[in-house]
N, C-alpha and C. Protein backbone atom coordinates (compact mmCIF):
# COMPACT_ATOMS: atom_id res chain seq x y z
N MET A 1 110.05 85.54 92.81
CA MET A 1 110.68 86.20 93.93
C MET A 1 110.92 85.17 95.02
N ARG A 2 111.72 85.56 96.00
CA ARG A 2 112.02 84.62 97.08
C ARG A 2 112.10 85.35 98.41
N ILE A 3 111.82 84.61 99.45
CA ILE A 3 111.91 85.15 100.81
C ILE A 3 113.34 84.95 101.28
N VAL A 4 114.00 86.05 101.64
CA VAL A 4 115.39 85.97 102.09
C VAL A 4 115.58 86.54 103.50
N GLY A 5 114.53 87.12 104.06
CA GLY A 5 114.61 87.68 105.41
C GLY A 5 113.36 87.36 106.19
N VAL A 6 113.54 87.03 107.46
CA VAL A 6 112.41 86.70 108.34
C VAL A 6 112.65 87.37 109.69
N PHE A 7 111.65 88.14 110.14
CA PHE A 7 111.74 88.76 111.46
C PHE A 7 110.43 88.55 112.19
N SER A 8 110.54 88.11 113.42
CA SER A 8 109.38 87.82 114.25
C SER A 8 109.13 88.98 115.20
N PHE A 9 108.10 89.78 114.92
CA PHE A 9 107.74 90.89 115.79
C PHE A 9 106.65 90.42 116.74
N ASN A 10 106.91 90.56 118.02
CA ASN A 10 105.96 90.15 119.07
C ASN A 10 105.55 88.68 118.90
N GLY A 11 106.52 87.84 118.57
CA GLY A 11 106.24 86.42 118.42
C GLY A 11 105.47 86.08 117.16
N GLY A 12 105.53 86.95 116.16
CA GLY A 12 104.75 86.77 114.94
C GLY A 12 105.08 85.51 114.18
N LYS A 13 106.36 85.18 114.04
CA LYS A 13 106.75 83.98 113.29
C LYS A 13 106.16 82.74 113.94
N GLU A 14 106.36 82.65 115.24
CA GLU A 14 105.89 81.47 115.97
C GLU A 14 104.36 81.39 115.96
N ALA A 15 103.70 82.53 116.14
CA ALA A 15 102.23 82.55 116.18
C ALA A 15 101.64 82.16 114.82
N VAL A 16 102.19 82.71 113.74
CA VAL A 16 101.68 82.39 112.40
C VAL A 16 101.95 80.93 112.07
N GLU A 17 103.15 80.45 112.37
CA GLU A 17 103.47 79.04 112.10
C GLU A 17 102.56 78.10 112.87
N ARG A 18 102.21 78.47 114.09
CA ARG A 18 101.36 77.62 114.93
C ARG A 18 99.89 77.68 114.49
N ALA A 19 99.37 78.88 114.27
CA ALA A 19 97.94 79.04 114.00
C ALA A 19 97.58 78.91 112.52
N TYR A 20 98.51 79.27 111.63
CA TYR A 20 98.19 79.32 110.19
C TYR A 20 99.27 78.69 109.31
N PRO A 21 99.73 77.48 109.60
CA PRO A 21 100.81 76.92 108.76
C PRO A 21 100.40 76.79 107.30
N HIS A 22 99.14 76.46 107.04
CA HIS A 22 98.66 76.31 105.66
C HIS A 22 98.61 77.65 104.93
N LEU A 23 98.23 78.71 105.64
CA LEU A 23 98.19 80.04 105.01
C LEU A 23 99.59 80.61 104.83
N LEU A 24 100.49 80.32 105.75
CA LEU A 24 101.88 80.74 105.58
C LEU A 24 102.47 80.06 104.35
N ASP A 25 102.15 78.80 104.16
CA ASP A 25 102.60 78.10 102.94
C ASP A 25 102.05 78.78 101.69
N GLU A 26 100.78 79.21 101.73
CA GLU A 26 100.19 79.92 100.59
C GLU A 26 100.95 81.21 100.31
N VAL A 27 101.25 81.97 101.36
CA VAL A 27 101.98 83.23 101.19
C VAL A 27 103.35 82.96 100.56
N LYS A 28 104.04 81.93 101.05
CA LYS A 28 105.35 81.58 100.50
C LYS A 28 105.24 81.18 99.03
N GLN A 29 104.21 80.42 98.70
CA GLN A 29 104.01 80.01 97.30
C GLN A 29 103.71 81.22 96.41
N ILE A 30 102.89 82.13 96.91
CA ILE A 30 102.56 83.34 96.15
C ILE A 30 103.82 84.16 95.88
N VAL A 31 104.63 84.38 96.90
CA VAL A 31 105.88 85.12 96.71
C VAL A 31 106.73 84.44 95.64
N GLY A 32 106.81 83.11 95.71
CA GLY A 32 107.61 82.35 94.75
C GLY A 32 107.10 82.42 93.32
N LYS A 33 105.82 82.71 93.15
CA LYS A 33 105.24 82.76 91.80
C LYS A 33 105.32 84.15 91.16
N VAL A 34 105.69 85.16 91.91
CA VAL A 34 105.79 86.51 91.33
C VAL A 34 107.04 86.57 90.45
N ASP A 35 106.83 86.80 89.18
CA ASP A 35 107.93 86.93 88.23
C ASP A 35 108.34 88.40 88.16
N ALA A 36 109.32 88.74 88.98
CA ALA A 36 109.74 90.14 89.08
C ALA A 36 110.32 90.66 87.78
N ALA A 37 110.90 89.80 86.97
CA ALA A 37 111.50 90.25 85.71
C ALA A 37 110.46 90.95 84.83
N LYS A 38 109.22 90.49 84.90
CA LYS A 38 108.15 91.11 84.10
C LYS A 38 107.71 92.44 84.69
N CYS A 39 108.19 92.77 85.88
CA CYS A 39 107.82 94.02 86.55
C CYS A 39 108.93 95.07 86.47
N ARG A 40 109.96 94.78 85.74
CA ARG A 40 111.05 95.77 85.56
C ARG A 40 110.68 96.62 84.35
N THR A 41 109.70 97.49 84.58
CA THR A 41 109.08 98.22 83.47
C THR A 41 109.14 99.74 83.63
N LYS A 42 109.69 100.21 84.73
CA LYS A 42 109.69 101.64 85.00
C LYS A 42 111.02 102.27 84.59
N THR A 43 110.96 103.25 83.72
CA THR A 43 112.17 103.98 83.33
C THR A 43 112.35 105.14 84.29
N SER A 44 113.49 105.16 84.94
CA SER A 44 113.76 106.18 85.95
C SER A 44 113.90 107.57 85.33
N LYS A 45 113.29 108.53 85.99
CA LYS A 45 113.43 109.94 85.62
C LYS A 45 114.18 110.69 86.73
N GLU A 46 114.71 109.93 87.67
CA GLU A 46 115.40 110.53 88.81
C GLU A 46 116.81 110.97 88.40
N LYS A 47 117.29 112.02 89.02
CA LYS A 47 118.61 112.57 88.70
C LYS A 47 119.72 111.57 88.96
N THR A 48 119.56 110.74 89.98
CA THR A 48 120.62 109.81 90.36
C THR A 48 120.72 108.58 89.46
N MET A 49 119.66 108.29 88.69
CA MET A 49 119.69 107.12 87.81
C MET A 49 118.81 107.32 86.57
N PRO A 50 119.07 108.36 85.80
CA PRO A 50 118.21 108.64 84.64
C PRO A 50 118.27 107.53 83.59
N GLY A 51 117.08 107.12 83.13
CA GLY A 51 116.98 106.13 82.07
C GLY A 51 117.13 104.69 82.51
N LYS A 52 117.48 104.46 83.76
CA LYS A 52 117.69 103.09 84.26
C LYS A 52 116.33 102.39 84.38
N MET A 53 116.28 101.12 83.99
CA MET A 53 115.06 100.33 84.13
C MET A 53 114.95 99.84 85.57
N LEU A 54 113.81 100.14 86.19
CA LEU A 54 113.58 99.81 87.59
C LEU A 54 112.39 98.87 87.74
N TYR A 55 112.33 98.21 88.88
CA TYR A 55 111.15 97.42 89.20
C TYR A 55 110.01 98.38 89.55
N SER A 56 108.86 98.16 88.98
CA SER A 56 107.71 99.01 89.22
C SER A 56 106.91 98.52 90.42
N PRO A 57 106.78 99.33 91.47
CA PRO A 57 105.95 98.94 92.61
C PRO A 57 104.50 98.66 92.19
N VAL A 58 103.98 99.42 91.25
CA VAL A 58 102.61 99.23 90.78
C VAL A 58 102.47 97.86 90.12
N ALA A 59 103.40 97.52 89.26
CA ALA A 59 103.36 96.22 88.58
C ALA A 59 103.52 95.07 89.57
N LEU A 60 104.43 95.22 90.53
CA LEU A 60 104.62 94.18 91.54
C LEU A 60 103.35 94.00 92.37
N ASN A 61 102.76 95.10 92.81
CA ASN A 61 101.51 95.01 93.58
C ASN A 61 100.41 94.32 92.78
N PHE A 62 100.32 94.62 91.49
CA PHE A 62 99.31 94.00 90.64
C PHE A 62 99.49 92.48 90.60
N LYS A 63 100.74 92.04 90.46
CA LYS A 63 101.02 90.60 90.43
C LYS A 63 100.61 89.95 91.75
N PHE A 64 100.96 90.59 92.86
CA PHE A 64 100.58 90.04 94.17
C PHE A 64 99.06 89.98 94.31
N LYS A 65 98.35 91.04 93.92
CA LYS A 65 96.89 91.07 94.04
C LYS A 65 96.26 89.93 93.26
N LYS A 66 96.75 89.71 92.05
CA LYS A 66 96.21 88.63 91.22
C LYS A 66 96.42 87.26 91.87
N LEU A 67 97.61 87.03 92.37
CA LEU A 67 97.93 85.73 92.98
C LEU A 67 97.18 85.50 94.29
N PHE A 68 97.06 86.53 95.12
CA PHE A 68 96.30 86.38 96.36
C PHE A 68 94.81 86.17 96.06
N ALA A 69 94.28 86.90 95.10
CA ALA A 69 92.86 86.76 94.73
C ALA A 69 92.57 85.34 94.23
N ALA A 70 93.50 84.77 93.48
CA ALA A 70 93.31 83.42 92.95
C ALA A 70 93.19 82.39 94.07
N ARG A 71 93.73 82.73 95.24
CA ARG A 71 93.65 81.83 96.40
C ARG A 71 92.60 82.29 97.41
N ARG A 72 91.72 83.15 96.95
CA ARG A 72 90.57 83.63 97.72
C ARG A 72 90.91 84.46 98.96
N TRP A 73 92.01 85.18 98.89
CA TRP A 73 92.29 86.19 99.90
C TRP A 73 91.51 87.43 99.49
N LYS A 74 90.94 88.13 100.44
CA LYS A 74 90.13 89.32 100.16
C LYS A 74 90.73 90.55 100.84
N SER A 75 90.56 91.69 100.19
CA SER A 75 90.93 92.93 100.87
C SER A 75 89.76 93.27 101.80
N VAL A 76 90.09 93.92 102.90
CA VAL A 76 89.05 94.34 103.85
C VAL A 76 89.16 95.85 104.01
N ARG A 77 88.04 96.51 103.79
CA ARG A 77 87.99 97.97 103.88
C ARG A 77 87.02 98.35 104.99
N VAL A 78 87.46 99.24 105.86
CA VAL A 78 86.57 99.73 106.92
C VAL A 78 86.40 101.24 106.76
N LYS A 79 85.18 101.67 106.94
CA LYS A 79 84.85 103.09 106.84
C LYS A 79 85.36 103.81 108.08
N CYS A 80 85.88 105.00 107.88
CA CYS A 80 86.36 105.82 109.00
C CYS A 80 85.35 106.92 109.28
N ASP A 81 84.73 106.85 110.41
CA ASP A 81 83.87 107.94 110.86
C ASP A 81 84.69 108.75 111.86
N TYR A 82 85.35 109.78 111.35
CA TYR A 82 86.24 110.56 112.19
C TYR A 82 85.44 111.35 113.22
N PRO A 83 85.95 111.42 114.44
CA PRO A 83 85.25 112.18 115.48
C PRO A 83 85.27 113.67 115.19
N ARG A 84 84.17 114.31 115.51
CA ARG A 84 84.07 115.76 115.32
C ARG A 84 84.12 116.49 116.66
N ASP A 85 84.09 115.76 117.75
CA ASP A 85 84.07 116.39 119.07
C ASP A 85 85.44 116.91 119.51
N CYS A 86 86.46 116.73 118.68
CA CYS A 86 87.80 117.19 119.04
C CYS A 86 88.14 118.56 118.46
N TYR A 87 87.23 119.12 117.67
CA TYR A 87 87.47 120.44 117.09
C TYR A 87 87.10 121.53 118.09
N THR A 88 87.71 122.67 117.91
CA THR A 88 87.32 123.81 118.74
C THR A 88 85.93 124.28 118.29
N ALA A 89 85.25 125.00 119.14
CA ALA A 89 83.87 125.41 118.87
C ALA A 89 83.75 126.28 117.62
N GLU A 90 84.79 127.07 117.33
CA GLU A 90 84.69 127.97 116.18
C GLU A 90 85.09 127.33 114.85
N TYR A 91 85.55 126.08 114.87
CA TYR A 91 85.95 125.41 113.63
C TYR A 91 84.89 124.41 113.20
N HIS A 92 84.47 124.51 111.94
CA HIS A 92 83.47 123.59 111.38
C HIS A 92 84.04 123.01 110.09
N PRO A 93 84.50 121.77 110.13
CA PRO A 93 85.20 121.19 108.97
C PRO A 93 84.30 120.85 107.80
N GLY A 94 83.01 120.92 107.96
CA GLY A 94 82.12 120.54 106.86
C GLY A 94 82.16 119.03 106.65
N ASN A 95 82.15 118.62 105.40
CA ASN A 95 82.10 117.20 105.08
C ASN A 95 83.44 116.72 104.51
N LEU A 96 84.54 117.14 105.11
CA LEU A 96 85.87 116.81 104.61
C LEU A 96 86.22 115.34 104.73
N HIS A 97 85.54 114.62 105.58
CA HIS A 97 85.91 113.24 105.86
C HIS A 97 85.07 112.22 105.09
N LYS A 98 84.24 112.68 104.21
CA LYS A 98 83.36 111.78 103.47
C LYS A 98 84.20 110.79 102.65
N GLY A 99 83.85 109.52 102.76
CA GLY A 99 84.51 108.50 101.97
C GLY A 99 85.83 108.01 102.53
N ALA A 100 86.22 108.44 103.72
CA ALA A 100 87.49 108.00 104.31
C ALA A 100 87.40 106.53 104.71
N PHE A 101 88.51 105.81 104.51
CA PHE A 101 88.53 104.39 104.87
C PHE A 101 89.96 103.94 105.14
N ARG A 102 90.08 102.77 105.74
CA ARG A 102 91.35 102.07 105.89
C ARG A 102 91.15 100.71 105.23
N GLU A 103 92.23 100.21 104.63
CA GLU A 103 92.11 98.94 103.92
C GLU A 103 93.31 98.05 104.20
N MET A 104 93.04 96.78 104.43
CA MET A 104 94.10 95.78 104.56
C MET A 104 94.17 95.05 103.23
N ASP A 105 95.39 94.86 102.72
CA ASP A 105 95.57 94.27 101.39
C ASP A 105 94.87 92.92 101.25
N PHE A 106 95.19 91.99 102.15
CA PHE A 106 94.68 90.63 102.01
C PHE A 106 94.35 90.04 103.38
N VAL A 107 93.18 89.42 103.48
CA VAL A 107 92.77 88.76 104.72
C VAL A 107 92.14 87.42 104.38
N LYS A 108 92.50 86.41 105.16
CA LYS A 108 91.89 85.08 105.01
C LYS A 108 91.92 84.42 106.38
N ASP A 109 90.77 83.98 106.83
CA ASP A 109 90.65 83.30 108.12
C ASP A 109 91.30 84.08 109.27
N LYS A 110 91.15 85.40 109.23
CA LYS A 110 91.65 86.31 110.27
C LYS A 110 93.17 86.45 110.32
N LEU A 111 93.83 86.10 109.21
CA LEU A 111 95.25 86.41 109.05
C LEU A 111 95.34 87.54 108.04
N GLY A 112 95.98 88.64 108.43
CA GLY A 112 96.11 89.79 107.55
C GLY A 112 97.48 89.83 106.91
N VAL A 113 97.52 90.23 105.63
CA VAL A 113 98.80 90.36 104.91
C VAL A 113 98.84 91.73 104.24
N GLU A 114 99.94 92.43 104.44
CA GLU A 114 100.21 93.68 103.76
C GLU A 114 101.46 93.50 102.92
N VAL A 115 101.41 93.91 101.66
CA VAL A 115 102.56 93.91 100.78
C VAL A 115 102.92 95.37 100.55
N GLN A 116 104.15 95.76 100.91
CA GLN A 116 104.48 97.18 100.92
C GLN A 116 105.75 97.47 100.11
N PHE A 117 105.58 98.25 99.04
CA PHE A 117 106.70 98.72 98.24
C PHE A 117 106.74 100.25 98.27
N GLY A 118 106.28 100.83 99.36
CA GLY A 118 106.19 102.28 99.43
C GLY A 118 107.22 102.88 100.36
N LYS A 119 106.91 104.06 100.81
CA LYS A 119 107.78 104.81 101.70
C LYS A 119 107.86 104.13 103.06
N TYR A 120 108.91 104.45 103.77
CA TYR A 120 109.20 103.84 105.06
C TYR A 120 108.03 103.97 106.04
N SER A 121 107.43 105.15 106.08
CA SER A 121 106.38 105.38 107.08
C SER A 121 105.21 104.41 106.92
N PHE A 122 104.95 103.94 105.71
CA PHE A 122 103.85 103.01 105.50
C PHE A 122 104.14 101.65 106.13
N MET A 123 105.39 101.20 106.09
CA MET A 123 105.73 99.92 106.71
C MET A 123 105.50 99.96 108.22
N VAL A 124 105.99 100.99 108.83
CA VAL A 124 105.84 101.13 110.28
C VAL A 124 104.36 101.28 110.64
N TYR A 125 103.64 102.09 109.85
CA TYR A 125 102.20 102.26 110.09
C TYR A 125 101.47 100.93 110.00
N ASN A 126 101.78 100.13 108.97
CA ASN A 126 101.11 98.84 108.81
C ASN A 126 101.25 97.97 110.04
N VAL A 127 102.47 97.85 110.54
CA VAL A 127 102.75 96.94 111.66
C VAL A 127 102.29 97.52 112.99
N CYS A 128 102.56 98.80 113.22
CA CYS A 128 102.33 99.39 114.55
C CYS A 128 100.97 100.06 114.71
N ALA A 129 100.24 100.26 113.64
CA ALA A 129 98.93 100.91 113.76
C ALA A 129 97.84 100.13 113.03
N LYS A 130 97.98 99.99 111.72
CA LYS A 130 96.90 99.39 110.94
C LYS A 130 96.56 97.98 111.40
N MET A 131 97.56 97.14 111.61
CA MET A 131 97.27 95.76 112.02
C MET A 131 96.62 95.71 113.40
N THR A 132 97.02 96.61 114.29
CA THR A 132 96.38 96.68 115.61
C THR A 132 94.93 97.12 115.47
N ILE A 133 94.68 98.12 114.62
CA ILE A 133 93.31 98.59 114.40
C ILE A 133 92.44 97.47 113.85
N PHE A 134 92.93 96.77 112.83
CA PHE A 134 92.15 95.69 112.23
C PHE A 134 91.95 94.52 113.20
N SER A 135 92.89 94.33 114.10
CA SER A 135 92.70 93.33 115.16
C SER A 135 91.63 93.79 116.15
N ASN A 136 91.70 95.05 116.56
CA ASN A 136 90.69 95.58 117.47
C ASN A 136 89.29 95.51 116.87
N LEU A 137 89.19 95.65 115.54
CA LEU A 137 87.91 95.56 114.85
C LEU A 137 87.53 94.11 114.52
N GLU A 138 88.37 93.18 114.97
CA GLU A 138 88.15 91.73 114.85
C GLU A 138 88.16 91.21 113.41
N HIS A 139 88.92 91.88 112.54
CA HIS A 139 89.09 91.40 111.18
C HIS A 139 90.28 90.45 111.08
N ILE A 140 91.30 90.66 111.94
CA ILE A 140 92.48 89.79 111.94
C ILE A 140 92.87 89.47 113.38
N LYS A 141 93.68 88.41 113.52
CA LYS A 141 94.27 88.05 114.81
C LYS A 141 95.77 88.33 114.83
N MET A 142 96.39 88.20 113.66
CA MET A 142 97.83 88.44 113.52
C MET A 142 98.12 88.80 112.08
N GLY A 143 99.37 89.18 111.78
CA GLY A 143 99.65 89.65 110.44
C GLY A 143 100.99 89.23 109.88
N ILE A 144 101.10 89.43 108.57
CA ILE A 144 102.35 89.23 107.84
C ILE A 144 102.58 90.50 107.01
N GLU A 145 103.78 91.04 107.11
CA GLU A 145 104.18 92.21 106.32
C GLU A 145 105.25 91.75 105.33
N VAL A 146 105.00 91.91 104.04
CA VAL A 146 105.93 91.51 102.99
C VAL A 146 106.57 92.77 102.42
N VAL A 147 107.91 92.85 102.51
CA VAL A 147 108.63 94.05 102.10
C VAL A 147 109.90 93.66 101.35
N PRO A 148 110.40 94.56 100.49
CA PRO A 148 111.65 94.25 99.79
C PRO A 148 112.85 94.37 100.73
N VAL A 149 113.90 93.60 100.45
CA VAL A 149 115.17 93.82 101.15
C VAL A 149 115.88 94.96 100.43
N LYS A 150 116.94 95.48 101.04
CA LYS A 150 117.62 96.65 100.48
C LYS A 150 118.11 96.42 99.05
N GLU A 151 118.62 95.22 98.77
CA GLU A 151 119.10 94.90 97.43
C GLU A 151 118.02 95.15 96.37
N LEU A 152 116.78 94.77 96.66
CA LEU A 152 115.68 95.00 95.72
C LEU A 152 115.25 96.46 95.73
N ALA A 153 115.15 97.06 96.90
CA ALA A 153 114.72 98.46 97.01
C ALA A 153 115.64 99.39 96.22
N LYS A 154 116.93 99.07 96.15
CA LYS A 154 117.88 99.90 95.39
C LYS A 154 117.58 99.85 93.89
N GLN A 155 116.81 98.86 93.45
CA GLN A 155 116.46 98.73 92.04
C GLN A 155 115.04 99.21 91.77
N MET A 156 114.54 100.03 92.71
CA MET A 156 113.21 100.63 92.59
C MET A 156 113.40 102.15 92.71
N SER A 157 112.31 102.88 92.72
CA SER A 157 112.38 104.34 92.88
C SER A 157 113.05 104.67 94.21
N SER A 158 113.70 105.82 94.26
CA SER A 158 114.31 106.23 95.52
C SER A 158 113.20 106.47 96.54
N GLY A 159 113.51 106.18 97.77
CA GLY A 159 112.54 106.37 98.84
C GLY A 159 111.77 105.12 99.22
N VAL A 160 111.91 104.04 98.43
CA VAL A 160 111.24 102.80 98.79
C VAL A 160 111.97 102.22 100.00
N SER A 161 111.22 101.89 101.00
CA SER A 161 111.80 101.37 102.22
C SER A 161 112.12 99.89 102.07
N TYR A 162 112.76 99.34 103.10
CA TYR A 162 113.19 97.96 102.98
C TYR A 162 113.25 97.26 104.34
N PHE A 163 113.35 95.94 104.25
CA PHE A 163 113.32 95.02 105.38
C PHE A 163 114.29 95.42 106.50
N GLU A 164 115.53 95.71 106.12
CA GLU A 164 116.54 96.01 107.13
C GLU A 164 116.16 97.22 107.97
N GLN A 165 115.51 98.23 107.36
CA GLN A 165 115.08 99.42 108.11
C GLN A 165 114.01 99.09 109.13
N ILE A 166 112.99 98.36 108.69
CA ILE A 166 111.88 98.10 109.61
C ILE A 166 112.30 97.17 110.74
N VAL A 167 113.18 96.22 110.45
CA VAL A 167 113.67 95.33 111.51
C VAL A 167 114.43 96.14 112.55
N TRP A 168 115.32 97.02 112.12
CA TRP A 168 116.10 97.82 113.06
C TRP A 168 115.16 98.67 113.92
N ASP A 169 114.22 99.36 113.27
CA ASP A 169 113.32 100.23 114.02
C ASP A 169 112.46 99.45 115.01
N LEU A 170 111.92 98.32 114.59
CA LEU A 170 111.06 97.55 115.50
C LEU A 170 111.87 97.00 116.67
N LYS A 171 113.11 96.62 116.43
CA LYS A 171 113.96 96.15 117.54
C LYS A 171 114.24 97.29 118.51
N GLN A 172 114.49 98.51 117.99
CA GLN A 172 114.77 99.65 118.85
C GLN A 172 113.52 100.12 119.59
N ARG A 173 112.37 100.05 118.92
CA ARG A 173 111.10 100.48 119.50
C ARG A 173 110.67 99.57 120.63
N GLY A 174 110.84 98.27 120.43
CA GLY A 174 110.34 97.30 121.40
C GLY A 174 108.88 96.99 121.14
N ILE A 175 108.31 96.20 122.03
CA ILE A 175 106.93 95.75 121.88
C ILE A 175 106.06 96.45 122.91
N ALA A 176 104.92 96.95 122.45
CA ALA A 176 103.95 97.59 123.35
C ALA A 176 102.82 96.60 123.65
N ASN A 177 102.08 96.84 124.70
CA ASN A 177 101.03 95.92 125.10
C ASN A 177 99.88 95.83 124.09
N ILE A 178 99.80 96.75 123.14
CA ILE A 178 98.73 96.69 122.14
C ILE A 178 99.18 96.04 120.83
N ASP A 179 100.47 95.76 120.68
CA ASP A 179 100.98 95.17 119.44
C ASP A 179 100.50 93.74 119.27
N ILE A 180 100.16 93.38 118.03
CA ILE A 180 99.77 92.01 117.73
C ILE A 180 100.98 91.29 117.11
N PRO A 181 100.96 89.96 117.09
CA PRO A 181 102.06 89.24 116.45
C PRO A 181 102.10 89.49 114.94
N VAL A 182 103.28 89.86 114.43
CA VAL A 182 103.44 90.12 113.01
C VAL A 182 104.74 89.46 112.53
N LEU A 183 104.63 88.73 111.44
CA LEU A 183 105.78 88.12 110.78
C LEU A 183 106.19 89.04 109.64
N ILE A 184 107.43 89.51 109.66
CA ILE A 184 107.94 90.38 108.61
C ILE A 184 108.76 89.51 107.66
N LEU A 185 108.41 89.54 106.37
CA LEU A 185 109.14 88.76 105.36
C LEU A 185 109.84 89.72 104.40
N GLY A 186 111.15 89.56 104.27
CA GLY A 186 111.93 90.34 103.33
C GLY A 186 112.09 89.55 102.04
N ILE A 187 111.76 90.19 100.91
CA ILE A 187 111.81 89.48 99.64
C ILE A 187 112.84 90.08 98.69
N ALA A 188 113.35 89.21 97.81
CA ALA A 188 114.34 89.62 96.81
C ALA A 188 114.00 88.94 95.50
N VAL A 189 114.71 89.36 94.43
CA VAL A 189 114.52 88.77 93.11
C VAL A 189 115.35 87.50 93.06
């Protein structure tokens, strides 16, 4: 795979290049080593493209996990102890929140990386919520979000979001005082 799109959210490109040039090189090398052709394994059952061979998000994620692990990037999982003081007095949720957690795909030396081949809301959540939370918990200082460009997303299941969407939304949203620097990388085959 190759990086074909770069967007600097809240100075993310400059911050990552300055603080983590060696880790950015690792991320670029990992992207370059993913053989997407071996991940074109999903037969579409969708009405709009029945029988078409698509890139499998599961297979792509597996390739990325293997390559990041080989370079000693670790996933970080934090337990969620949801507050109970926000319920009304007559509501008792029981133990519904047992085992809840948040997880960042890859972390090394306080640089967080998320690889996202899912729905649009997950991309925005990663950049605007999850990375801020993991920064507040002192697991990361800044982040990189790796997402497909539209050309690749069209060759996956319908509903997979893409680089062009998140760039447009982040530009329209603007930067809030709680946002951390995030480098958005758009990838293609």
